[in-house]
Amino acid sequence: MTYSRAVVERAGELRRSGLSCREIARELGGPSKSAVARWTRAVASGGTVGRAVAKMDLPKVVGDGPVYPDIDPDDKDALIERLVLENAVL
């Protein structure tokens, strides 16, 4: 799941106020405590919120959507099958 820059910034503010990563995750109601720890560690080590967000493992977006290296982009049936499976898993 992708979180907005505002959520990452809020996590940094809460961490600076003294809350633990677990408390911050509970307060924000979504991200895991490990994600909060990664964000706050990136900001605390002199990085910026942009770097914290950039380090997230997001699919590379090209054109209309993410790149699936195992599917030929012209094979729409395989892409649909992959997306249906992905939705079922989620």
N, C-alpha and C. Protein backbone atom coordinates (compact mmCIF):
# COMPACT_ATOMS: atom_id res chain seq x y z
N MET A 1 0.84 -1.17 0.00
CA MET A 1 0.00 0.00 0.00
C MET A 1 0.89 1.23 0.00
N THR A 2 0.45 2.23 -0.69
CA THR A 2 1.20 3.46 -0.78
C THR A 2 0.58 4.50 0.14
N TYR A 3 1.43 5.19 0.89
CA TYR A 3 0.96 6.23 1.79
C TYR A 3 1.43 7.58 1.27
N SER A 4 0.63 8.58 1.51
CA SER A 4 0.95 9.91 1.01
C SER A 4 2.09 10.54 1.80
N ARG A 5 2.64 11.56 1.23
CA ARG A 5 3.71 12.31 1.88
C ARG A 5 3.22 12.87 3.21
N ALA A 6 1.94 13.27 3.28
CA ALA A 6 1.39 13.83 4.52
C ALA A 6 1.42 12.80 5.65
N VAL A 7 1.12 11.54 5.32
CA VAL A 7 1.14 10.48 6.34
C VAL A 7 2.57 10.26 6.84
N VAL A 8 3.53 10.26 5.92
CA VAL A 8 4.93 10.08 6.31
C VAL A 8 5.40 11.25 7.16
N GLU A 9 5.01 12.47 6.78
CA GLU A 9 5.38 13.65 7.56
C GLU A 9 4.75 13.59 8.95
N ARG A 10 3.51 13.16 9.02
CA ARG A 10 2.82 13.04 10.32
C ARG A 10 3.52 12.01 11.20
N ALA A 11 3.96 10.92 10.61
CA ALA A 11 4.69 9.91 11.36
C ALA A 11 5.98 10.49 11.92
N GLY A 12 6.68 11.31 11.15
CA GLY A 12 7.89 11.96 11.62
C GLY A 12 7.62 12.90 12.78
N GLU A 13 6.53 13.66 12.67
CA GLU A 13 6.16 14.58 13.75
C GLU A 13 5.85 13.81 15.03
N LEU A 14 5.10 12.72 14.90
CA LEU A 14 4.73 11.93 16.08
C LEU A 14 5.97 11.28 16.70
N ARG A 15 6.91 10.86 15.86
CA ARG A 15 8.14 10.24 16.39
C ARG A 15 8.96 11.26 17.16
N ARG A 16 9.06 12.47 16.61
CA ARG A 16 9.81 13.53 17.30
C ARG A 16 9.13 13.93 18.61
N SER A 17 7.81 13.72 18.70
CA SER A 17 7.11 14.05 19.95
C SER A 17 7.29 12.98 21.01
N GLY A 18 7.94 11.85 20.64
CA GLY A 18 8.27 10.83 21.63
C GLY A 18 7.47 9.55 21.55
N LEU A 19 6.56 9.43 20.61
CA LEU A 19 5.80 8.19 20.48
C LEU A 19 6.65 7.08 19.88
N SER A 20 6.34 5.84 20.23
CA SER A 20 7.04 4.70 19.64
C SER A 20 6.45 4.42 18.26
N CYS A 21 7.17 3.62 17.48
CA CYS A 21 6.69 3.26 16.14
C CYS A 21 5.36 2.52 16.22
N ARG A 22 5.21 1.66 17.21
CA ARG A 22 3.95 0.92 17.38
C ARG A 22 2.80 1.88 17.67
N GLU A 23 3.04 2.87 18.55
CA GLU A 23 2.00 3.85 18.87
C GLU A 23 1.65 4.71 17.66
N ILE A 24 2.67 5.05 16.88
CA ILE A 24 2.43 5.85 15.67
C ILE A 24 1.59 5.06 14.67
N ALA A 25 1.94 3.79 14.48
CA ALA A 25 1.18 2.95 13.54
C ALA A 25 -0.27 2.85 13.98
N ARG A 26 -0.50 2.70 15.27
CA ARG A 26 -1.86 2.62 15.80
C ARG A 26 -2.58 3.95 15.60
N GLU A 27 -1.88 5.06 15.84
CA GLU A 27 -2.45 6.40 15.71
C GLU A 27 -2.85 6.68 14.26
N LEU A 28 -1.98 6.30 13.31
CA LEU A 28 -2.26 6.56 11.90
C LEU A 28 -3.27 5.59 11.32
N GLY A 29 -3.43 4.44 11.96
CA GLY A 29 -4.46 3.49 11.56
C GLY A 29 -4.25 2.84 10.21
N GLY A 30 -3.05 2.53 9.84
CA GLY A 30 -2.84 1.89 8.55
C GLY A 30 -1.48 1.27 8.39
N PRO A 31 -0.43 2.08 8.44
CA PRO A 31 0.90 1.53 8.16
C PRO A 31 1.36 0.60 9.28
N SER A 32 2.25 -0.31 8.92
CA SER A 32 2.82 -1.21 9.91
C SER A 32 3.89 -0.49 10.72
N LYS A 33 4.22 -1.06 11.87
CA LYS A 33 5.25 -0.41 12.69
C LYS A 33 6.60 -0.45 11.99
N SER A 34 6.86 -1.46 11.17
CA SER A 34 8.13 -1.51 10.44
C SER A 34 8.19 -0.42 9.37
N ALA A 35 7.06 -0.12 8.73
CA ALA A 35 7.03 0.97 7.74
C ALA A 35 7.28 2.30 8.44
N VAL A 36 6.65 2.50 9.59
CA VAL A 36 6.86 3.74 10.35
C VAL A 36 8.32 3.86 10.76
N ALA A 37 8.91 2.75 11.21
CA ALA A 37 10.32 2.76 11.62
C ALA A 37 11.22 3.12 10.43
N ARG A 38 10.92 2.58 9.26
CA ARG A 38 11.72 2.87 8.06
C ARG A 38 11.60 4.35 7.69
N TRP A 39 10.38 4.88 7.73
CA TRP A 39 10.18 6.29 7.39
C TRP A 39 10.92 7.20 8.36
N THR A 40 10.73 6.95 9.65
CA THR A 40 11.33 7.84 10.64
C THR A 40 12.84 7.70 10.67
N ARG A 41 13.36 6.51 10.40
CA ARG A 41 14.80 6.31 10.35
C ARG A 41 15.40 7.08 9.18
N ALA A 42 14.73 7.07 8.04
CA ALA A 42 15.22 7.78 6.86
C ALA A 42 15.25 9.29 7.12
N VAL A 43 14.24 9.79 7.79
CA VAL A 43 14.17 11.23 8.08
C VAL A 43 15.18 11.58 9.15
N ALA A 44 15.33 10.75 10.19
CA ALA A 44 16.24 11.03 11.30
C ALA A 44 17.71 10.99 10.86
N SER A 45 18.02 10.19 9.85
CA SER A 45 19.41 10.07 9.41
C SER A 45 19.82 11.20 8.45
N GLY A 46 19.03 12.25 8.42
CA GLY A 46 19.38 13.40 7.59
C GLY A 46 18.69 13.40 6.24
N GLY A 47 17.92 12.37 5.98
CA GLY A 47 17.19 12.32 4.72
C GLY A 47 15.95 13.19 4.78
N THR A 48 15.21 13.17 3.73
CA THR A 48 13.98 13.95 3.68
C THR A 48 12.81 13.00 3.56
N VAL A 49 11.63 13.54 3.71
CA VAL A 49 10.42 12.72 3.56
C VAL A 49 10.37 12.15 2.15
N GLY A 50 10.81 12.93 1.17
CA GLY A 50 10.82 12.45 -0.21
C GLY A 50 11.67 11.21 -0.36
N ARG A 51 12.83 11.18 0.32
CA ARG A 51 13.67 9.99 0.26
C ARG A 51 13.02 8.81 0.95
N ALA A 52 12.33 9.08 2.06
CA ALA A 52 11.64 8.00 2.78
C ALA A 52 10.57 7.39 1.89
N VAL A 53 9.84 8.22 1.18
CA VAL A 53 8.80 7.73 0.28
C VAL A 53 9.43 7.03 -0.92
N ALA A 54 10.53 7.56 -1.42
CA ALA A 54 11.19 6.98 -2.60
C ALA A 54 11.75 5.60 -2.32
N LYS A 55 12.09 5.30 -1.06
CA LYS A 55 12.67 4.00 -0.74
C LYS A 55 11.63 2.90 -0.67
N MET A 56 10.33 3.25 -0.72
CA MET A 56 9.30 2.23 -0.69
C MET A 56 9.37 1.39 -1.96
N ASP A 57 9.12 0.12 -1.84
CA ASP A 57 9.16 -0.78 -2.99
C ASP A 57 7.84 -0.69 -3.76
N LEU A 58 7.78 0.25 -4.67
CA LEU A 58 6.58 0.44 -5.48
C LEU A 58 6.84 -0.07 -6.88
N PRO A 59 5.81 -0.59 -7.55
CA PRO A 59 6.03 -1.05 -8.91
C PRO A 59 6.35 0.13 -9.82
N LYS A 60 7.23 -0.12 -10.77
CA LYS A 60 7.60 0.90 -11.74
C LYS A 60 6.42 1.13 -12.67
N VAL A 61 6.01 2.37 -12.82
CA VAL A 61 4.85 2.69 -13.63
C VAL A 61 5.32 3.22 -14.98
N VAL A 62 4.81 2.58 -16.03
CA VAL A 62 5.12 3.00 -17.38
C VAL A 62 3.81 3.02 -18.15
N GLY A 63 3.50 4.13 -18.73
CA GLY A 63 2.27 4.22 -19.50
C GLY A 63 1.04 4.13 -18.61
N ASP A 64 0.22 3.11 -18.85
CA ASP A 64 -1.06 3.00 -18.16
C ASP A 64 -1.00 2.26 -16.83
N GLY A 65 0.10 1.65 -16.48
CA GLY A 65 0.12 0.91 -15.23
C GLY A 65 1.46 0.30 -14.93
N PRO A 66 1.52 -0.56 -13.90
CA PRO A 66 2.80 -1.15 -13.51
C PRO A 66 3.32 -2.13 -14.54
N VAL A 67 4.62 -2.35 -14.52
CA VAL A 67 5.26 -3.26 -15.45
C VAL A 67 5.23 -4.67 -14.85
N TYR A 68 4.75 -5.62 -15.61
CA TYR A 68 4.76 -7.03 -15.22
C TYR A 68 5.74 -7.74 -16.15
N PRO A 69 6.96 -8.01 -15.69
CA PRO A 69 7.98 -8.55 -16.59
C PRO A 69 7.63 -9.92 -17.18
N ASP A 70 6.74 -10.66 -16.52
CA ASP A 70 6.42 -12.00 -17.01
C ASP A 70 5.24 -12.00 -17.99
N ILE A 71 4.71 -10.84 -18.35
CA ILE A 71 3.55 -10.77 -19.24
C ILE A 71 3.86 -9.85 -20.41
N ASP A 72 3.58 -10.33 -21.60
CA ASP A 72 3.71 -9.51 -22.80
C ASP A 72 2.63 -8.43 -22.75
N PRO A 73 2.99 -7.14 -22.85
CA PRO A 73 1.99 -6.08 -22.73
C PRO A 73 0.91 -6.14 -23.80
N ASP A 74 1.19 -6.81 -24.91
CA ASP A 74 0.19 -6.92 -25.97
C ASP A 74 -0.78 -8.07 -25.73
N ASP A 75 -0.48 -8.94 -24.79
CA ASP A 75 -1.36 -10.08 -24.48
C ASP A 75 -2.33 -9.66 -23.37
N LYS A 76 -3.43 -9.05 -23.77
CA LYS A 76 -4.39 -8.49 -22.82
C LYS A 76 -5.04 -9.58 -21.96
N ASP A 77 -5.26 -10.77 -22.50
CA ASP A 77 -5.89 -11.85 -21.72
C ASP A 77 -4.99 -12.27 -20.56
N ALA A 78 -3.69 -12.36 -20.79
CA ALA A 78 -2.76 -12.73 -19.73
C ALA A 78 -2.71 -11.63 -18.66
N LEU A 79 -2.76 -10.39 -19.09
CA LEU A 79 -2.75 -9.28 -18.15
C LEU A 79 -4.02 -9.28 -17.30
N ILE A 80 -5.16 -9.50 -17.93
CA ILE A 80 -6.43 -9.56 -17.20
C ILE A 80 -6.41 -10.71 -16.20
N GLU A 81 -5.92 -11.86 -16.63
CA GLU A 81 -5.83 -13.02 -15.74
C GLU A 81 -4.93 -12.71 -14.54
N ARG A 82 -3.82 -12.05 -14.78
CA ARG A 82 -2.89 -11.68 -13.71
C ARG A 82 -3.54 -10.72 -12.72
N LEU A 83 -4.26 -9.73 -13.25
CA LEU A 83 -4.91 -8.74 -12.39
C LEU A 83 -6.07 -9.35 -11.59
N VAL A 84 -6.81 -10.26 -12.18
CA VAL A 84 -7.88 -10.94 -11.46
C VAL A 84 -7.29 -11.75 -10.31
N LEU A 85 -6.19 -12.45 -10.57
CA LEU A 85 -5.50 -13.21 -9.52
C LEU A 85 -5.00 -12.27 -8.42
N GLU A 86 -4.41 -11.16 -8.83
CA GLU A 86 -3.90 -10.19 -7.85
C GLU A 86 -5.03 -9.65 -6.98
N ASN A 87 -6.16 -9.35 -7.56
CA ASN A 87 -7.31 -8.87 -6.79
C ASN A 87 -7.83 -9.93 -5.85
N ALA A 88 -7.83 -11.18 -6.28
CA ALA A 88 -8.30 -12.27 -5.43
C ALA A 88 -7.39 -12.43 -4.21
N VAL A 89 -6.09 -12.26 -4.44
CA VAL A 89 -5.14 -12.39 -3.33
C VAL A 89 -5.32 -11.25 -2.35
N LEU A 90 -5.54 -10.04 -2.86
CA LEU A 90 -5.70 -8.88 -1.98
C LEU A 90 -7.00 -8.96 -1.25
